[in-house]
Protein backbone atom coordinates (compact mmCIF):
# COMPACT_ATOMS: atom_id res chain seq x y z
CA MET A 1 -24.68 -24.35 -18.36
CA LYS A 2 -23.92 -21.58 -15.92
CA ARG A 3 -20.28 -21.46 -14.90
CA PHE A 4 -17.63 -19.24 -13.40
CA PRO A 5 -14.37 -18.81 -15.26
CA THR A 6 -12.31 -21.70 -13.98
CA ILE A 7 -9.24 -19.58 -13.19
CA LEU A 8 -9.03 -17.11 -10.34
CA LEU A 9 -11.49 -14.27 -10.83
CA ALA A 10 -9.57 -11.90 -8.57
CA PHE A 11 -12.28 -9.99 -6.74
CA ALA A 12 -11.28 -6.36 -7.22
CA LEU A 13 -11.55 -5.61 -3.55
CA ALA A 14 -9.34 -8.48 -2.35
CA ALA A 15 -6.78 -11.09 -3.23
CA ALA A 16 -5.95 -14.42 -1.63
CA PRO A 17 -5.71 -14.50 2.18
CA CYS A 18 -2.67 -12.75 3.63
CA TRP A 19 -0.29 -14.87 5.75
CA LEU A 20 1.76 -12.11 7.15
CA ALA A 21 4.75 -10.19 8.92
CA CYS A 22 5.35 -7.59 11.62
CA GLY A 23 8.14 -6.22 13.80
CA ALA A 24 9.45 -3.22 15.69
CA LYS A 25 9.45 -0.01 13.64
CA PRO A 26 9.16 1.24 10.04
CA ARG A 27 12.42 0.28 8.36
CA SER A 28 13.82 -1.33 5.23
CA ALA A 29 11.96 -4.50 4.31
CA ASP A 30 15.30 -6.10 3.41
CA ASP A 31 16.83 -6.82 6.79
CA ASP A 32 20.39 -7.27 5.57
CA ALA A 33 20.35 -5.17 2.42
CA ALA A 34 23.02 -2.48 2.08
CA PRO A 35 22.30 0.65 0.03
CA SER A 36 23.12 0.08 -3.63
CA ALA A 37 24.88 2.48 -5.94
CA ALA A 38 21.59 3.01 -7.75
CA ALA A 39 20.13 4.27 -4.50
CA SER A 40 22.57 7.17 -4.21
CA ALA A 41 20.03 9.63 -5.60
CA ALA A 42 17.42 10.68 -3.07
CA PRO A 43 14.09 8.98 -3.78
CA ALA A 44 11.03 11.09 -4.49
CA PRO A 45 9.03 11.89 -1.34
CA ALA A 46 6.01 9.70 -0.69
CA CYS A 47 2.98 11.98 -0.44
CA GLY A 48 -0.62 11.45 0.58
CA GLU A 49 -1.77 8.66 2.83
CA LEU A 50 -2.50 4.97 2.71
CA ILE A 51 -5.91 3.58 3.60
CA PHE A 52 -6.17 -0.12 4.44
CA LEU A 53 -7.76 -2.75 6.64
CA ALA A 54 -6.29 -3.50 10.07
CA SER A 55 -7.12 -6.07 12.73
CA ALA A 56 -5.45 -8.05 15.48
CA GLY A 57 -5.86 -11.24 13.43
CA HIS A 58 -7.92 -12.84 10.69
CA ASP A 59 -10.65 -13.79 13.17
CA ALA A 60 -10.67 -10.40 14.90
CA PRO A 61 -12.84 -7.36 14.06
CA GLN A 62 -11.28 -5.22 11.37
CA ARG A 63 -11.38 -1.48 10.83
CA ILE A 64 -10.47 0.82 7.97
CA VAL A 65 -7.49 2.96 8.95
CA ALA A 66 -5.27 5.65 7.44
CA MET A 67 -1.54 6.25 7.75
CA ASP A 68 0.71 8.91 6.27
CA ALA A 69 2.46 7.44 3.23
CA ARG A 70 5.83 8.13 4.92
CA GLY A 71 4.83 6.07 7.96
CA GLY A 72 3.63 6.86 11.47
CA ALA A 73 0.61 6.17 13.61
CA MET A 74 -2.59 4.69 12.25
CA ARG A 75 -5.87 6.53 12.72
CA THR A 76 -9.26 4.89 12.44
CA LEU A 77 -11.47 6.10 9.59
CA HIS A 78 -14.28 3.61 9.96
CA GLU A 79 -15.38 0.69 12.10
CA PRO A 80 -18.29 -1.40 10.82
CA PRO A 81 -21.41 -1.65 12.98
CA GLU A 82 -21.16 -4.47 15.49
CA ASP A 83 -23.91 -6.50 13.82
CA ASP A 84 -21.94 -6.48 10.55
CA GLU A 85 -18.90 -8.21 12.02
CA HIS A 86 -20.23 -11.69 11.35
CA GLU A 87 -16.90 -13.14 10.40
CA ALA A 88 -13.60 -11.47 9.61
CA GLY A 89 -12.00 -12.01 6.22
CA GLU A 90 -12.64 -10.98 2.66
CA PRO A 91 -15.91 -11.48 0.80
CA GLU A 92 -16.45 -14.76 -1.01
CA HIS A 93 -14.80 -14.92 -4.42
CA GLU A 94 -14.10 -17.57 -6.97
CA GLY A 95 -10.74 -19.25 -6.78
CA GLY A 96 -9.94 -19.04 -3.10
CA GLY A 97 -10.12 -16.96 0.04
CA HIS A 98 -12.76 -16.90 2.74
CA ALA A 99 -15.98 -18.34 1.41
CA HIS A 100 -18.43 -16.65 3.77
CA GLY A 101 -16.60 -13.72 5.34
CA GLY A 102 -18.32 -10.43 5.99
CA GLY A 103 -17.37 -6.89 6.87
CA ASP A 104 -16.64 -3.47 5.41
CA PHE A 105 -13.90 -3.24 2.78
CA PRO A 106 -12.21 -0.22 1.14
CA ALA A 107 -13.20 -0.45 -2.51
CA LEU A 108 -12.47 2.69 -4.53
CA LEU A 109 -10.96 6.06 -3.70
CA GLU A 110 -12.19 9.19 -5.41
CA PRO A 111 -9.28 10.75 -7.38
CA SER A 112 -9.62 13.93 -5.31
CA GLY A 113 -9.21 11.98 -2.08
CA GLU A 114 -12.47 13.44 -0.77
CA GLY A 115 -14.35 10.17 -0.53
CA LEU A 116 -13.88 6.43 -0.12
CA MET A 117 -16.28 3.85 -1.48
CA ILE A 118 -16.84 0.97 0.93
CA LEU A 119 -18.25 -2.45 0.08
CA ARG A 120 -20.28 -3.84 2.97
CA SER A 121 -20.65 -7.61 2.65
CA GLN A 122 -22.81 -9.84 4.84
CA PRO A 123 -23.03 -13.64 4.56
CA ALA A 124 -26.39 -14.87 3.27
CA GLY A 125 -25.83 -18.63 3.34
CA THR A 126 -25.06 -21.19 0.61
CA GLY A 127 -21.98 -19.25 -0.44
CA LYS A 128 -23.87 -16.03 -1.16
CA THR A 129 -23.60 -12.55 0.32
CA HIS A 130 -25.85 -9.51 0.56
CA ASP A 131 -23.76 -6.48 -0.28
CA GLU A 132 -24.03 -2.71 -0.30
CA LEU A 133 -21.87 0.09 -1.67
CA LEU A 134 -21.43 3.13 0.60
CA ARG A 135 -19.55 6.42 0.37
CA LEU A 136 -17.48 7.66 3.31
CA ALA A 137 -16.56 11.35 3.23
CA LEU A 138 -12.88 11.69 4.13
CA GLY A 139 -11.64 14.64 6.14
CA ALA A 140 -14.93 14.97 8.01
CA GLU A 141 -14.52 13.95 11.65
CA GLY A 142 -16.98 11.24 12.63
CA ALA A 143 -18.49 10.93 9.16
CA THR A 144 -20.98 8.10 8.64
CA PRO A 145 -20.98 6.16 5.36
CA VAL A 146 -23.96 6.91 3.09
CA SER A 147 -25.48 4.11 1.03
CA LEU A 148 -25.25 4.34 -2.75
CA THR A 149 -27.19 1.16 -3.45
CA ALA A 150 -30.00 1.17 -0.87
CA GLY A 151 -33.00 -0.46 -2.53
CA PHE A 152 -30.88 -2.53 -4.91
CA GLY A 153 -30.96 -6.22 -4.12
CA PRO A 154 -30.50 -7.84 -1.66
CA ALA A 155 -27.73 -9.22 -3.82
CA MET A 156 -24.02 -9.88 -4.17
CA ILE A 157 -22.04 -6.91 -5.56
CA ARG A 158 -18.51 -7.33 -6.91
CA ASN A 159 -15.80 -5.55 -8.87
CA PRO A 160 -17.06 -1.95 -8.96
CA SER A 161 -15.37 0.22 -11.59
CA ARG A 162 -15.75 4.00 -11.45
CA ASP A 163 -16.15 6.35 -14.39
CA PRO A 164 -13.07 8.65 -14.27
CA ALA A 165 -15.40 11.68 -14.43
CA GLY A 166 -17.32 10.42 -11.39
CA ARG A 167 -20.65 10.09 -13.18
CA PHE A 168 -21.40 6.40 -12.61
CA LEU A 169 -20.18 2.99 -11.54
CA VAL A 170 -20.33 -0.36 -13.28
CA PHE A 171 -20.34 -3.55 -11.18
CA GLU A 172 -21.29 -7.21 -11.34
CA SER A 173 -24.15 -8.69 -9.32
CA ASP A 174 -26.37 -11.74 -8.97
CA ALA A 175 -29.43 -9.55 -8.29
CA ASN A 176 -31.48 -10.99 -11.15
CA SER A 177 -29.33 -13.75 -12.61
CA PHE A 178 -26.22 -15.85 -12.13
CA ARG A 179 -23.96 -12.83 -12.71
CA ASP A 180 -24.59 -9.74 -14.85
CA LEU A 181 -23.27 -6.19 -15.13
CA TYR A 182 -25.08 -3.09 -13.87
CA ARG A 183 -24.56 0.65 -14.16
CA LEU A 184 -25.27 2.90 -11.16
CA GLU A 185 -25.63 6.63 -11.73
CA LEU A 186 -23.78 8.38 -8.90
CA SER A 187 -25.83 11.54 -9.36
CA SER A 188 -28.77 9.57 -7.98
CA ASN A 189 -27.01 9.60 -4.58
CA GLY A 190 -28.36 6.19 -3.65
CA GLY A 191 -31.54 6.50 -1.62
CA ASP A 192 -34.54 4.21 -1.76
CA ALA A 193 -34.50 3.93 -5.56
CA PRO A 194 -31.00 4.33 -7.01
CA SER A 195 -30.81 4.74 -10.78
CA VAL A 196 -29.49 1.35 -11.95
CA LEU A 197 -29.33 0.05 -15.52
CA ARG A 198 -28.76 -3.62 -16.28
CA LEU A 199 -26.12 -3.83 -19.01
CA THR A 200 -26.00 -7.58 -19.75
CA GLY A 201 -28.37 -10.53 -19.63
CA ASP A 202 -26.63 -13.82 -20.33
CA GLU A 203 -27.27 -17.15 -18.65
CA GLN A 204 -23.58 -18.07 -18.58
CA GLY A 205 -22.47 -15.02 -16.59
CA ASN A 206 -20.63 -11.70 -17.02
CA PHE A 207 -17.86 -10.57 -14.71
CA GLU A 208 -15.09 -8.09 -13.85
CA PRO A 209 -16.10 -4.87 -15.60
CA ALA A 210 -13.36 -2.29 -16.22
CA LEU A 211 -14.25 1.18 -17.53
CA SER A 212 -12.03 2.76 -20.16
CA PRO A 213 -10.10 5.96 -19.34
CA ASP A 214 -12.72 8.08 -21.12
CA GLY A 215 -15.59 6.25 -19.41
CA GLU A 216 -17.20 5.39 -22.75
CA ARG A 217 -16.45 1.65 -22.94
CA VAL A 218 -16.46 -1.34 -20.62
CA ALA A 219 -14.09 -4.30 -20.90
CA PHE A 220 -15.39 -7.40 -19.16
CA VAL A 221 -15.25 -11.18 -18.93
CA SER A 222 -18.09 -13.40 -20.14
CA SER A 223 -18.70 -17.14 -20.43
CA ARG A 224 -21.55 -16.66 -22.93
CA ASP A 225 -19.66 -18.46 -25.71
CA GLY A 226 -18.11 -21.25 -23.64
CA ASP A 227 -15.01 -20.55 -21.57
CA ALA A 228 -14.25 -17.14 -20.12
CA GLU A 229 -13.25 -14.61 -22.80
CA LEU A 230 -12.75 -10.83 -22.99
CA TYR A 231 -15.38 -8.54 -24.48
CA THR A 232 -15.93 -4.81 -24.78
CA MET A 233 -19.13 -2.80 -25.11
CA THR A 234 -20.26 0.79 -24.77
CA ALA A 235 -20.88 1.91 -21.19
CA ASP A 236 -24.62 2.15 -21.83
CA GLY A 237 -24.88 -1.57 -22.61
CA GLY A 238 -24.43 -1.66 -26.38
CA ALA A 239 -23.77 -4.81 -28.39
CA PRO A 240 -20.59 -6.51 -27.11
CA THR A 241 -17.49 -7.23 -29.19
CA ARG A 242 -15.55 -10.41 -28.45
CA LEU A 243 -11.79 -9.84 -28.26
CA THR A 244 -10.28 -13.21 -27.31
CA THR A 245 -10.72 -16.80 -28.44
CA SER A 246 -8.67 -19.32 -26.54
CA PRO A 247 -9.16 -22.70 -24.87
CA GLY A 248 -7.95 -21.28 -21.56
CA ASP A 249 -9.89 -18.75 -19.51
CA ASP A 250 -9.10 -15.03 -19.82
CA SER A 251 -9.80 -12.60 -16.97
CA ALA A 252 -8.99 -9.32 -15.19
CA PRO A 253 -8.91 -6.77 -18.06
CA ARG A 254 -7.07 -3.50 -17.44
CA TRP A 255 -6.94 -0.53 -19.82
CA SER A 256 -3.86 1.36 -20.91
CA ALA A 257 -3.98 5.10 -20.21
CA ASP A 258 -4.69 5.90 -23.87
CA GLY A 259 -7.46 3.31 -24.11
CA GLN A 260 -5.74 1.51 -26.98
CA THR A 261 -4.53 -1.63 -25.21
CA LEU A 262 -5.87 -4.11 -22.66
CA ALA A 263 -3.73 -6.14 -20.30
CA PHE A 264 -5.30 -9.31 -18.91
CA VAL A 265 -4.55 -12.64 -17.25
CA SER A 266 -4.85 -15.82 -19.31
CA ALA A 267 -4.50 -19.56 -18.82
CA ARG A 268 -4.20 -20.19 -22.58
CA ASP A 269 -0.63 -21.54 -22.29
CA LEU A 270 -0.27 -24.33 -19.73
CA ASP A 271 3.52 -23.99 -19.70
CA ARG A 272 3.12 -20.42 -18.50
CA GLY A 273 0.36 -21.08 -15.96
CA MET A 274 -1.76 -17.93 -15.59
CA ASP A 275 0.29 -15.13 -17.13
CA VAL A 276 -0.10 -11.55 -18.37
CA PHE A 277 -1.12 -10.94 -21.98
CA VAL A 278 -1.95 -7.80 -23.95
CA ILE A 279 -4.35 -7.23 -26.84
CA PRO A 280 -5.42 -4.16 -28.85
CA ALA A 281 -8.68 -2.83 -27.44
CA ALA A 282 -10.08 -2.69 -30.95
CA GLY A 283 -9.30 -6.37 -31.47
CA GLY A 284 -6.33 -8.26 -32.83
CA GLU A 285 -3.72 -10.75 -31.73
CA ALA A 286 -3.14 -11.38 -28.02
CA LYS A 287 0.52 -11.58 -27.04
CA ALA A 288 2.36 -12.54 -23.87
CA LEU A 289 3.71 -9.46 -22.10
CA LEU A 290 6.83 -11.18 -20.69
CA PRO A 291 9.09 -14.03 -21.76
CA ALA A 292 8.21 -17.45 -20.35
CA ARG A 293 9.62 -18.17 -16.86
CA ASP A 294 11.43 -21.35 -15.84
CA ALA A 295 8.20 -22.71 -14.34
CA PRO A 296 4.48 -21.84 -14.50
CA VAL A 297 3.34 -18.79 -12.53
CA LEU A 298 0.04 -17.42 -11.30
CA VAL A 299 -0.40 -13.70 -11.98
CA ARG A 300 -3.12 -11.50 -10.45
CA ASP A 301 -3.75 -8.00 -9.06
CA LEU A 302 -2.98 -6.12 -12.32
CA SER A 303 -2.54 -2.39 -11.65
CA VAL A 304 -1.69 0.23 -14.30
CA SER A 305 0.31 3.29 -13.18
CA PRO A 306 -1.41 6.70 -13.32
CA ASP A 307 0.56 7.75 -16.41
CA GLY A 308 -0.05 4.39 -18.07
CA THR A 309 3.63 3.59 -18.67
CA LYS A 310 3.96 0.79 -16.10
CA LEU A 311 2.05 -2.26 -14.98
CA ALA A 312 2.39 -3.82 -11.52
CA PHE A 313 1.10 -7.26 -10.62
CA THR A 314 1.45 -10.13 -8.18
CA GLU A 315 3.44 -13.12 -9.45
CA LEU A 316 3.13 -16.37 -7.49
CA SER A 317 5.57 -19.23 -8.06
CA GLN A 318 5.15 -22.72 -6.65
CA GLY A 319 7.14 -23.12 -3.44
CA ALA A 320 8.62 -19.62 -3.73
CA GLY A 321 5.77 -17.40 -2.52
CA ALA A 322 4.80 -14.26 -4.39
CA ALA A 323 6.43 -10.99 -5.45
CA VAL A 324 5.12 -7.70 -6.80
CA VAL A 325 6.58 -7.14 -10.26
CA VAL A 326 6.72 -3.82 -12.15
CA VAL A 327 7.10 -3.83 -15.94
CA SER A 328 6.98 -1.22 -18.68
CA PHE A 329 3.58 -1.14 -20.36
CA PRO A 330 2.92 -2.30 -23.01
CA GLU A 331 6.54 -3.23 -23.78
CA GLY A 332 6.96 -5.68 -20.88
CA ALA A 333 10.50 -4.90 -19.70
CA VAL A 334 10.92 -5.81 -16.00
CA LEU A 335 11.70 -2.63 -14.04
CA ALA A 336 11.46 -3.77 -10.41
CA ARG A 337 10.51 -6.62 -8.09
CA SER A 338 9.50 -6.39 -4.44
CA ARG A 339 11.92 -9.24 -3.84
CA GLU A 340 14.09 -11.46 -6.00
CA ARG A 341 13.17 -15.03 -6.85
CA GLY A 342 14.12 -17.26 -3.96
CA GLU A 343 14.38 -14.37 -1.49
CA GLY A 344 12.11 -15.06 1.47
CA ALA A 345 11.54 -18.67 0.44
CA GLY A 346 11.25 -21.18 3.27
CA ALA A 347 8.73 -23.17 5.23
CA THR A 348 6.36 -20.20 4.96
CA PRO A 349 7.32 -18.21 1.84
CA LEU A 350 6.73 -14.47 1.74
CA ILE A 351 3.58 -13.40 -0.09
CA ASP A 352 3.83 -9.91 -1.61
CA GLU A 353 0.50 -8.93 -3.19
CA GLN A 354 -2.18 -6.28 -3.77
CA PRO A 355 0.00 -3.55 -5.35
CA VAL A 356 -1.47 -0.05 -5.58
CA TRP A 357 0.15 3.03 -7.14
CA SER A 358 0.73 6.41 -5.53
CA PRO A 359 -1.15 9.20 -7.32
CA ASP A 360 2.11 10.50 -8.83
CA GLY A 361 3.16 7.04 -9.99
CA LYS A 362 6.53 7.18 -8.21
CA HIS A 363 5.77 4.62 -5.51
CA LEU A 364 3.72 1.51 -4.84
CA ALA A 365 2.23 0.11 -1.67
CA PHE A 366 1.56 -3.59 -1.22
CA THR A 367 0.78 -6.24 1.37
CA ARG A 368 3.49 -8.61 2.60
CA GLY A 369 2.60 -11.88 4.34
CA SER A 370 4.78 -14.43 6.09
CA GLY A 371 2.51 -16.42 8.39
CA PRO A 372 -0.97 -16.71 9.89
CA ASP A 373 -2.23 -13.49 11.51
CA ARG A 374 0.86 -11.57 10.38
CA SER A 375 0.76 -8.95 7.64
CA ASP A 376 2.26 -5.57 6.84
CA ILE A 377 1.89 -2.72 4.38
CA LEU A 378 5.11 -1.93 2.54
CA ARG A 379 6.04 1.01 0.32
CA MET A 380 8.40 0.64 -2.63
CA ASP A 381 9.79 3.09 -5.18
CA ALA A 382 8.60 2.35 -8.71
CA ASP A 383 12.16 1.40 -9.63
CA GLY A 384 12.49 -0.91 -6.60
CA ARG A 385 15.28 1.07 -4.93
CA GLU A 386 13.66 1.64 -1.54
CA ARG A 387 11.36 -0.80 0.27
CA VAL A 388 10.01 0.36 3.62
CA ASN A 389 7.79 -1.59 5.99
CA LEU A 390 5.25 0.94 7.25
CA THR A 391 3.36 -1.18 9.77
CA MET A 392 6.33 -2.99 11.33
CA GLY A 393 6.03 -0.54 14.16
CA PRO A 394 4.83 -0.12 17.76
CA SER A 395 2.46 -2.59 19.35
CA ASP A 396 -0.64 -0.73 18.15
CA ASN A 397 0.48 -1.32 14.55
CA ARG A 398 0.97 -5.07 14.89
CA GLY A 399 -1.48 -7.59 13.47
CA VAL A 400 -3.07 -8.02 10.04
CA HIS A 401 -2.88 -5.10 7.60
CA TRP A 402 -4.01 -5.53 4.01
CA LEU A 403 -5.94 -4.22 1.00
CA PRO A 404 -4.18 -0.84 0.65
CA ARG A 405 -5.54 2.18 -1.21
CA TRP A 406 -3.48 5.36 -1.80
CA SER A 407 -5.12 8.76 -1.31
CA PRO A 408 -3.57 11.97 -2.73
CA THR A 409 -4.42 13.85 0.46
CA SER A 410 -3.26 13.39 4.04
CA ALA A 411 -4.53 14.76 7.31
CA THR A 412 -1.04 14.71 8.81
CA SER A 413 1.44 15.37 5.99
CA SER A 414 2.60 18.70 4.57
CA CYS A 415 4.43 16.88 1.79
CA ALA A 416 3.89 18.66 -1.50
CA ARG A 417 3.12 16.41 -4.43
CA ARG A 418 5.59 16.65 -7.31
């Protein structure tokens, strides 16, 4: 029968709801932390700018804003049309979050920083949404998003993955089935009849496409053979190759920079919970990336650094909230944590999530939550030395800030990338 993978299919545009924190001005996220000896060397400058969602609260209208990566005032890049603000929150996704939320969400940034892809999601009843992908030109004052998928659907669109060369996108949709994968040629520029190729056609469902670094292959999740397993195929929809066989669901594939290894989340070991595993992209044995913890964890939000040597992810522990963890990839040595285990635990544990890398790979940005209608965007060095709360600032910065993306360019910074 048709089924979703039973574990969290982390919708690539969002994670679980943020429960979150604010304050007075950009400063260290560790209130009482003194500089360590390891911090004696000056950290690399944070260049570019961060693009994220901001609102006064989870039920308030949200806008897409930009802020210099070193901190400062927010500037509005895009506000959705009034008739699109049906309900604040992230689009429906399996495993949790708002079931029927709508709005405009920052999806993918072009590597050049010249454009931002936006996913516009509108509730359509019975747990479904009607979605559209749009491109917003950055750096153009008053630019209006242009549809890339006009004429496709109406349908749900999820998990877009962009060819590194900018030729096409692959995404999942329920346009003609439960869930299948589609390829959109970007050269078609949307319009009334965008060039879309259906890549899969299986009753059980296909999810979470991830394009390889050379754009020639797609890793994805499918339930065609029972539970959710990993597969690869050519980007034009060739015959798929099954990579994993386990009684627990596998999800969220991410490629190494050389295209030889895939990291993914698996529930194959109940003692681990939902943990990170790696497998050769050509097939072979899947192995846990890290040693087992003292208790089961839930891992999500896998993000490979630009040079492919590190992997960041969100690690949730029961009763202890969540931290962003950075490990060497594919070796699995822990290099940094956004906070130590037990730090920030309490009646409302801190939730650090949604890590995204700076273009030079020297920093990460992530969302920190500590309560309803309270969230911030933090910046951390890749080695964990410096953690700065960027939105703990003046009154116009307070509220809910989440879903960060990191652009290599900035309208306000003269910082030279290194």
